[in-house]
C-alpha atoms as a PDB file:
ATOM      1  CA  MET A   1      78.364 128.463 152.862  1.00  0.00           C
ATOM      2  CA  LYS A   2      77.608 126.590 156.441  1.00  0.00           C
ATOM      3  CA  VAL A   3      77.109 122.647 156.276  1.00  0.00           C
ATOM      4  CA  SER A   4      76.823 119.971 158.684  1.00  0.00           C
ATOM      5  CA  LYS A   5      76.850 116.362 159.775  1.00  0.00           C
ATOM      6  CA  ILE A   6      75.779 114.603 161.703  1.00  0.00           C
ATOM      7  CA  LEU A   7      78.777 111.261 162.202  1.00  0.00           C
ATOM      8  CA  SER A   8      77.614 107.887 161.936  1.00  0.00           C
ATOM      9  CA  LYS A   9      78.819 105.028 163.210  1.00  0.00           C
ATOM     10  CA  SER A  10      80.582 104.132 159.251  1.00  0.00           C
ATOM     11  CA  ASP A  11      82.179 107.601 159.354  1.00  0.00           C
ATOM     12  CA  THR A  12      84.230 107.737 162.523  1.00  0.00           C
ATOM     13  CA  GLY A  13      85.171 103.985 162.414  1.00  0.00           C
ATOM     14  CA  GLU A  14      82.889 102.786 165.339  1.00  0.00           C
ATOM     15  CA  SER A  15      81.394 100.198 162.593  1.00  0.00           C
ATOM     16  CA  GLY A  16      84.392  98.293 162.078  1.00  0.00           C
ATOM     17  CA  SER A  17      83.988  99.372 158.589  1.00  0.00           C
ATOM     18  CA  ASN A  18      87.416 100.129 156.619  1.00  0.00           C
ATOM     19  CA  GLN A  19      84.861 103.340 154.457  1.00  0.00           C
ATOM     20  CA  SER A  20      87.220 105.615 153.135  1.00  0.00           C
ATOM     21  CA  GLY A  21      86.290 108.851 154.551  1.00  0.00           C
ATOM     22  CA  VAL A  22      82.618 110.722 155.085  1.00  0.00           C
ATOM     23  CA  LEU A  23      79.863 109.870 152.866  1.00  0.00           C
ATOM     24  CA  VAL A  24      78.770 113.253 150.579  1.00  0.00           C
ATOM     25  CA  PRO A  25      75.301 112.860 149.433  1.00  0.00           C
ATOM     26  CA  LYS A  26      74.585 113.279 146.090  1.00  0.00           C
ATOM     27  CA  ASP A  27      72.186 116.840 146.523  1.00  0.00           C
ATOM     28  CA  LYS A  28      73.436 120.162 144.558  1.00  0.00           C
ATOM     29  CA  ALA A  29      73.106 121.909 147.418  1.00  0.00           C
ATOM     30  CA  ILE A  30      75.068 120.460 149.280  1.00  0.00           C
ATOM     31  CA  LEU A  31      78.518 119.612 146.574  1.00  0.00           C
ATOM     32  CA  LYS A  32      77.658 123.757 146.134  1.00  0.00           C
ATOM     33  CA  PHE A  33      79.780 124.075 149.700  1.00  0.00           C
ATOM     34  CA  PHE A  34      82.560 121.570 147.317  1.00  0.00           C
ATOM     35  CA  PRO A  35      85.585 122.430 145.217  1.00  0.00           C
ATOM     36  CA  THR A  36      84.023 121.267 141.366  1.00  0.00           C
ATOM     37  CA  LEU A  37      85.881 118.401 140.574  1.00  0.00           C
ATOM     38  CA  VAL A  38      86.786 117.517 136.843  1.00  0.00           C
ATOM     39  CA  GLU A  39      84.385 114.756 136.235  1.00  0.00           C
ATOM     40  CA  GLU A  40      85.526 113.637 133.117  1.00  0.00           C
ATOM     41  CA  LYS A  41      88.823 111.603 135.270  1.00  0.00           C
ATOM     42  CA  LYS A  42      88.133 108.852 136.912  1.00  0.00           C
ATOM     43  CA  ASN A  43      88.006 109.517 140.819  1.00  0.00           C
ATOM     44  CA  PRO A  44      88.769 112.949 140.493  1.00  0.00           C
ATOM     45  CA  ARG A  45      89.763 114.677 143.832  1.00  0.00           C
ATOM     46  CA  GLN A  46      90.945 118.270 145.392  1.00  0.00           C
ATOM     47  CA  THR A  47      92.310 118.689 149.097  1.00  0.00           C
ATOM     48  CA  ILE A  48      90.826 120.929 151.159  1.00  0.00           C
ATOM     49  CA  VAL A  49      92.466 122.413 153.181  1.00  0.00           C
ATOM     50  CA  PHE A  50      90.916 123.675 156.353  1.00  0.00           C
ATOM     51  CA  SER A  51      91.747 125.652 159.660  1.00  0.00           C
ATOM     52  CA  GLY A  52      90.241 123.756 163.000  1.00  0.00           C
ATOM     53  CA  PRO A  53      88.742 124.915 166.268  1.00  0.00           C
ATOM     54  CA  GLU A  54      92.427 125.437 167.807  1.00  0.00           C
ATOM     55  CA  ASN A  55      93.801 127.087 164.358  1.00  0.00           C
ATOM     56  CA  ASP A  56      95.841 123.971 163.486  1.00  0.00           C
ATOM     57  CA  LYS A  57      95.316 122.823 159.253  1.00  0.00           C
ATOM     58  CA  TRP A  58      93.893 119.785 158.380  1.00  0.00           C
ATOM     59  CA  SER A  59      94.023 118.816 154.797  1.00  0.00           C
ATOM     60  CA  PHE A  60      91.373 116.604 153.298  1.00  0.00           C
ATOM     61  CA  ASN A  61      90.415 115.254 149.932  1.00  0.00           C
ATOM     62  CA  PHE A  62      87.441 115.260 148.339  1.00  0.00           C
ATOM     63  CA  ILE A  63      87.112 112.947 145.902  1.00  0.00           C
ATOM     64  CA  HIS A  64      84.304 111.903 143.280  1.00  0.00           C
ATOM     65  CA  TYR A  65      84.541 107.650 143.447  1.00  0.00           C
ATOM     66  CA  ASN A  66      83.260 107.519 139.845  1.00  0.00           C
ATOM     67  CA  ASN A  67      85.244 104.349 138.923  1.00  0.00           C
ATOM     68  CA  LEU A  68      81.018 103.021 137.855  1.00  0.00           C
ATOM     69  CA  LYS A  69      82.095 104.837 134.057  1.00  0.00           C
ATOM     70  CA  TYR A  70      85.034 102.958 134.278  1.00  0.00           C
ATOM     71  CA  GLY A  71      83.898  99.076 135.267  1.00  0.00           C
ATOM     72  CA  GLY A  72      83.901  99.737 138.597  1.00  0.00           C
ATOM     73  CA  THR A  73      81.136  99.843 141.126  1.00  0.00           C
ATOM     74  CA  ARG A  74      81.788 102.667 142.809  1.00  0.00           C
ATOM     75  CA  ASN A  75      79.737 106.492 142.484  1.00  0.00           C
ATOM     76  CA  GLU A  76      80.059 108.315 145.604  1.00  0.00           C
ATOM     77  CA  TYR A  77      80.979 111.719 146.512  1.00  0.00           C
ATOM     78  CA  ARG A  78      83.715 111.311 149.438  1.00  0.00           C
ATOM     79  CA  LEU A  79      84.750 113.613 152.189  1.00  0.00           C
ATOM     80  CA  THR A  80      88.674 111.391 153.313  1.00  0.00           C
ATOM     81  CA  CYS A  81      91.976 111.962 155.484  1.00  0.00           C
ATOM     82  CA  ILE A  82      89.412 113.035 158.274  1.00  0.00           C
ATOM     83  CA  ARG A  83      89.847 110.669 160.629  1.00  0.00           C
ATOM     84  CA  GLY A  84      92.964 112.386 162.205  1.00  0.00           C
ATOM     85  CA  PHE A  85      90.791 115.466 162.721  1.00  0.00           C
ATOM     86  CA  LEU A  86      87.828 112.810 164.871  1.00  0.00           C
ATOM     87  CA  LYS A  87      90.321 110.761 167.128  1.00  0.00           C
ATOM     88  CA  LYS A  88      92.176 114.341 168.209  1.00  0.00           C
ATOM     89  CA  TYR A  89      89.306 115.965 168.812  1.00  0.00           C
ATOM     90  CA  ASN A  90      87.576 112.600 170.098  1.00  0.00           C
ATOM     91  CA  LEU A  91      84.241 112.778 167.528  1.00  0.00           C
ATOM     92  CA  HIS A  92      81.758 109.472 167.724  1.00  0.00           C
ATOM     93  CA  HIS A  93      78.391 108.767 166.053  1.00  0.00           C
ATOM     94  CA  ARG A  94      76.061 111.373 166.659  1.00  0.00           C
ATOM     95  CA  ASP A  95      78.351 114.012 166.968  1.00  0.00           C
ATOM     96  CA  ILE A  96      77.532 117.134 164.176  1.00  0.00           C
ATOM     97  CA  LEU A  97      80.511 118.143 162.163  1.00  0.00           C
ATOM     98  CA  LEU A  98      81.175 121.740 161.556  1.00  0.00           C
ATOM     99  CA  LEU A  99      82.514 123.435 158.181  1.00  0.00           C
ATOM    100  CA  GLN A 100      82.063 126.893 156.556  1.00  0.00           C
ATOM    101  CA  TYR A 101      83.454 128.320 153.333  1.00  0.00           C
ATOM    102  CA  ASP A 102      83.926 132.357 152.994  1.00  0.00           C
ATOM    103  CA  GLN A 103      85.893 134.122 150.990  1.00  0.00           C
ATOM    104  CA  GLN A 104      87.894 136.045 154.060  1.00  0.00           C
ATOM    105  CA  ASN A 105      88.629 132.949 156.308  1.00  0.00           C
ATOM    106  CA  GLY A 106      88.580 130.139 153.605  1.00  0.00           C
ATOM    107  CA  TYR A 107      87.717 126.847 155.070  1.00  0.00           C
ATOM    108  CA  THR A 108      87.060 125.866 158.609  1.00  0.00           C
ATOM    109  CA  ILE A 109      85.880 123.219 160.611  1.00  0.00           C
ATOM    110  CA  ASN A 110      84.510 122.967 164.440  1.00  0.00           C
ATOM    111  CA  TYR A 111      82.210 120.474 166.133  1.00  0.00           C
ATOM    112  CA  GLU A 112      79.457 119.774 168.473  1.00  0.00           C
ATOM    113  CA  VAL A 113      78.940 116.999 170.788  1.00  0.00           C
ATOM    114  CA  ASP A 114      76.046 115.209 171.256  1.00  0.00           C
ATOM    115  CA  ARG A 115      74.333 116.498 174.465  1.00  0.00           C
ATOM    116  CA  ASN A 116      71.913 112.884 174.111  1.00  0.00           C
ATOM    117  CA  ALA A 117      75.042 110.970 173.981  1.00  0.00           C
ATOM    118  CA  GLY A 118      74.250 107.695 176.641  1.00  0.00           C
ATOM    119  CA  THR A 119      70.938 109.074 177.950  1.00  0.00           C
ATOM    120  CA  GLY A 120      69.232 106.212 176.563  1.00  0.00           C
ATOM    121  CA  LYS A 121      67.867 108.821 173.678  1.00  0.00           C
ATOM    122  CA  LYS A 122      67.623 107.180 170.283  1.00  0.00           C
ATOM    123  CA  ILE A 123      67.642 109.675 167.122  1.00  0.00           C
ATOM    124  CA  ILE A 124      66.431 108.693 164.160  1.00  0.00           C
ATOM    125  CA  LEU A 125      69.235 109.662 161.510  1.00  0.00           C
ATOM    126  CA  LYS A 126      67.250 110.631 158.154  1.00  0.00           C
ATOM    127  CA  ASN A 127      69.652 113.745 156.237  1.00  0.00           C
ATOM    128  CA  THR A 128      72.652 113.292 157.910  1.00  0.00           C
ATOM    129  CA  TRP A 129      73.828 116.788 155.649  1.00  0.00           C
ATOM    130  CA  LYS A 130      72.623 119.790 156.114  1.00  0.00           C
ATOM    131  CA  VAL A 131      73.430 123.429 154.498  1.00  0.00           C
ATOM    132  CA  ILE A 132      72.508 125.995 156.978  1.00  0.00           C
ATOM    133  CA  ASN A 133      72.864 129.110 155.325  1.00  0.00           C
ATOM    134  CA  ILE A 134      74.021 130.002 151.752  1.00  0.00           C
ATOM    135  CA  GLY A 135      75.326 133.139 151.781  1.00  0.00           C
ATOM    136  CA  LEU A 136      78.793 132.529 149.447  1.00  0.00           C
ATOM    137  CA  GLN A 137      78.998 130.272 147.012  1.00  0.00           C
ATOM    138  CA  VAL A 138      82.808 128.705 146.402  1.00  0.00           C
ATOM    139  CA  GLN A 139      83.887 128.995 142.858  1.00  0.00           C
END
């Protein structure tokens, strides 16, 4: 299974916000890509190890900030601990993360640089996550 994410300024830290990681929508098709979390726990998370473009290893956390159930204010999914990857590959808003999972190779991460950056062409971001294909499902 492959998914892609167009990075926002918030994702990359360019907005000046201190948001924790990349926001993952509550879309069932997108959530199928990630490991299942134990939703009965407060803020359940799971570490996912990705192989990068240079066969480098990256450990990210997939977390459901579900503290709304426990008197808090958040109810959102995020992929955290990803800023090091974004910095190493000099990624900015409008660049695209490419995430893939298959049983043979596990999780992999790559990217595409936005070729319109700096050209003055405006890109309006609506749904920044996209399922590229649904071949194999994560168990």
